[in-house]
Protein backbone atom coordinates (compact mmCIF):
# COMPACT_ATOMS: atom_id res chain seq x y z
CA UNK A 1 130.80 128.80 127.22
CA UNK A 2 128.40 126.90 129.45
CA UNK A 3 124.63 127.28 129.10
CA UNK A 4 121.80 127.05 131.59
CA UNK A 5 118.07 126.85 130.96
CA UNK A 6 115.96 128.11 133.87
CA UNK A 7 112.24 127.70 134.37
CA UNK A 8 110.96 129.36 137.52
CA UNK A 9 108.50 131.85 138.94
CA UNK A 10 108.71 135.60 138.36
CA UNK A 11 110.15 136.42 141.82
CA UNK A 12 113.07 134.01 141.44
CA UNK A 13 113.66 135.06 137.82
CA UNK A 14 113.90 138.69 138.90
CA UNK A 15 116.55 137.78 141.48
CA UNK A 16 118.50 135.73 138.92
CA UNK A 17 118.40 138.54 136.33
CA UNK A 18 119.50 141.08 138.97
CA UNK A 19 122.47 138.86 139.78
CA UNK A 20 123.29 138.45 136.08
CA UNK A 21 123.16 142.23 135.64
CA UNK A 22 125.59 142.62 138.56
CA UNK A 23 128.05 140.20 136.95
CA UNK A 24 127.70 141.99 133.62
CA UNK A 25 128.44 145.38 135.20
CA UNK A 26 131.58 143.83 136.70
CA UNK A 27 132.77 142.98 133.19
CA UNK A 28 131.85 139.29 133.02
CA UNK A 29 130.74 138.07 129.59
CA UNK A 30 127.11 136.99 129.73
CA UNK A 31 124.64 136.29 126.94
CA UNK A 32 120.97 135.89 127.81
CA UNK A 33 118.75 133.97 125.42
CA UNK A 34 115.08 133.65 126.14
CA UNK A 35 112.78 131.16 124.46
CA UNK A 36 111.59 133.66 121.85
CA UNK A 37 115.12 134.61 120.78
CA UNK A 38 116.17 130.95 120.70
CA UNK A 39 113.14 129.96 118.61
CA UNK A 40 113.71 132.85 116.17
CA UNK A 41 117.42 132.06 115.72
CA UNK A 42 116.70 128.34 115.29
CA UNK A 43 114.05 129.11 112.65
CA UNK A 44 116.51 131.34 110.77
CA UNK A 45 119.20 128.66 110.85
CA UNK A 46 116.74 125.99 109.70
CA UNK A 47 115.60 128.25 106.84
CA UNK A 48 119.20 128.92 105.80
CA UNK A 49 120.00 125.22 105.76
CA UNK A 50 116.89 124.57 103.65
CA UNK A 51 117.92 127.35 101.23
CA UNK A 52 121.34 125.74 100.85
CA UNK A 53 119.75 122.34 100.13
CA UNK A 54 117.54 123.96 97.47
CA UNK A 55 120.44 125.84 95.90
CA UNK A 56 119.09 129.24 96.91
CA UNK A 57 122.53 130.68 97.56
CA UNK A 58 124.47 133.42 95.82
CA UNK A 59 128.15 133.80 95.11
CA UNK A 60 129.59 136.75 97.07
CA UNK A 61 131.18 138.24 93.96
CA UNK A 62 127.80 138.19 92.19
CA UNK A 63 126.15 139.97 95.12
CA UNK A 64 128.91 142.60 95.23
CA UNK A 65 128.57 143.24 91.46
CA UNK A 66 124.82 143.68 91.77
CA UNK A 67 125.20 146.04 94.72
CA UNK A 68 127.85 148.12 92.98
CA UNK A 69 125.84 148.31 89.75
CA UNK A 70 122.64 149.27 91.58
CA UNK A 71 123.89 152.72 92.55
């Protein structure tokens, strides 16, 4: 999937988002990421990679056992 980063004024952005909404209603697959969503997702990925480096990961079987025993 191709990506496009747009920086523009509010009037043009409104027109672009209206067009995107039209395409979406027609069934086209569109994902909109704004700067806040991008920054949040990047921070979560960076944190996960740091956790892996520090060994802060859990085996899935261990997590399942703990969840099943918690009830």
